[in-house]
Amino acid sequence: MLRGCQKKVIHLKDTKSKMFDEAYFIVREQATTKENVPLRSMVKEANRILAENEMRGRHPLRAKRWFWGMMILSFFSGILFWWLCYALFFM
């Protein structure tokens, strides 16, 4: 348990994110005392961080389909290459 410790926290309730319902950001002491950054800028930065860290990329099922599609394509390309080499050098 901490005694005598005070932290400034930004709490975002409705993040409009697919992953997060709520977000808590602990603000640096320098931002509130020395730099005197306005609250609006802090909330804007917190929303930017949330948007930047959204899950990007392919859906896992699509990634598996793409992987197996490439494996099958590679397999048949190898068979075709072997057949062409065989036809050129041994016939």
Protein backbone atom coordinates (compact mmCIF):
# COMPACT_ATOMS: atom_id res chain seq x y z
CA MET A 1 0.00 0.00 0.00
CA LEU A 2 1.31 3.44 -0.94
CA ARG A 3 0.89 6.38 1.40
CA GLY A 4 1.37 9.95 0.42
CA CYS A 5 1.52 9.20 -3.30
CA GLN A 6 -0.57 11.18 -5.73
CA LYS A 7 -0.77 10.46 -9.45
CA LYS A 8 -2.72 12.28 -12.13
CA VAL A 9 -4.77 9.86 -14.21
CA ILE A 10 -6.73 10.28 -17.44
CA HIS A 11 -9.63 7.83 -17.61
CA LEU A 12 -11.32 7.34 -20.98
CA LYS A 13 -14.64 5.52 -20.63
CA ASP A 14 -16.02 5.24 -24.16
CA THR A 15 -12.99 4.64 -26.34
CA LYS A 16 -14.95 3.62 -29.47
CA SER A 17 -12.42 0.85 -29.85
CA LYS A 18 -13.00 -2.76 -30.84
CA MET A 19 -10.57 -3.93 -28.17
CA PHE A 20 -10.88 -1.54 -25.23
CA ASP A 21 -13.90 -0.46 -23.18
CA GLU A 22 -11.94 1.79 -20.87
CA ALA A 23 -8.40 3.11 -20.76
CA TYR A 24 -6.33 4.59 -17.94
CA PHE A 25 -3.32 6.78 -18.60
CA ILE A 26 -1.00 7.84 -15.78
CA VAL A 27 0.29 11.33 -16.51
CA ARG A 28 3.91 12.25 -15.88
CA GLU A 29 4.52 14.71 -13.11
CA GLN A 30 6.54 16.98 -15.40
CA ALA A 31 3.59 17.41 -17.77
CA THR A 32 1.40 18.85 -15.05
CA THR A 33 3.94 20.96 -13.13
CA LYS A 34 6.77 22.15 -15.40
CA GLU A 35 5.25 22.08 -18.88
CA ASN A 36 1.66 22.92 -17.87
CA VAL A 37 0.10 20.92 -20.72
CA PRO A 38 -3.66 21.52 -21.06
CA LEU A 39 -6.04 18.65 -20.32
CA ARG A 40 -7.51 18.79 -23.84
CA SER A 41 -4.07 18.02 -25.33
CA MET A 42 -3.59 15.12 -22.94
CA VAL A 43 -6.94 13.57 -23.86
CA LYS A 44 -6.18 14.07 -27.57
CA GLU A 45 -2.83 12.29 -27.14
CA ALA A 46 -4.49 9.44 -25.21
CA ASN A 47 -7.04 8.96 -28.02
CA ARG A 48 -4.22 9.02 -30.58
CA ILE A 49 -2.36 6.29 -28.70
CA LEU A 50 -5.50 4.15 -28.57
CA ALA A 51 -6.17 4.60 -32.28
CA GLU A 52 -2.54 3.82 -33.13
CA ASN A 53 -2.60 0.58 -31.17
CA GLU A 54 -5.78 -0.86 -32.64
CA MET A 55 -5.50 -4.40 -33.91
CA ARG A 56 -4.47 -4.18 -37.54
CA GLY A 57 -3.78 -6.78 -40.13
CA ARG A 58 -5.60 -9.74 -41.48
CA HIS A 59 -8.25 -11.77 -39.84
CA PRO A 60 -6.65 -14.98 -38.46
CA LEU A 61 -8.85 -17.25 -40.58
CA ARG A 62 -7.97 -15.32 -43.75
CA ALA A 63 -4.30 -15.54 -42.86
CA LYS A 64 -4.56 -19.33 -42.57
CA ARG A 65 -6.36 -19.57 -45.90
CA TRP A 66 -3.70 -17.41 -47.53
CA PHE A 67 -0.92 -19.54 -46.01
CA TRP A 68 -2.40 -22.85 -47.20
CA GLY A 69 -3.22 -21.36 -50.60
CA MET A 70 0.42 -20.35 -51.02
CA MET A 71 1.57 -23.80 -49.86
CA ILE A 72 -0.61 -25.53 -52.46
CA LEU A 73 0.51 -23.09 -55.16
CA SER A 74 4.16 -23.71 -54.25
CA PHE A 75 3.64 -27.48 -54.34
CA PHE A 76 2.11 -27.45 -57.80
CA SER A 77 4.71 -24.94 -59.05
CA GLY A 78 7.43 -27.35 -57.87
CA ILE A 79 5.79 -30.25 -59.72
CA LEU A 80 5.51 -28.13 -62.88
CA PHE A 81 9.15 -27.05 -62.61
CA TRP A 82 10.29 -30.66 -62.11
CA TRP A 83 8.21 -31.80 -65.10
CA LEU A 84 9.71 -29.07 -67.33
CA CYS A 85 13.26 -29.93 -66.24
CA TYR A 86 12.61 -33.62 -66.87
CA ALA A 87 11.14 -32.86 -70.31
CA LEU A 88 14.07 -30.64 -71.31
CA PHE A 89 16.98 -32.77 -70.07
CA PHE A 90 15.80 -36.38 -70.30
CA MET A 91 13.69 -36.49 -73.40
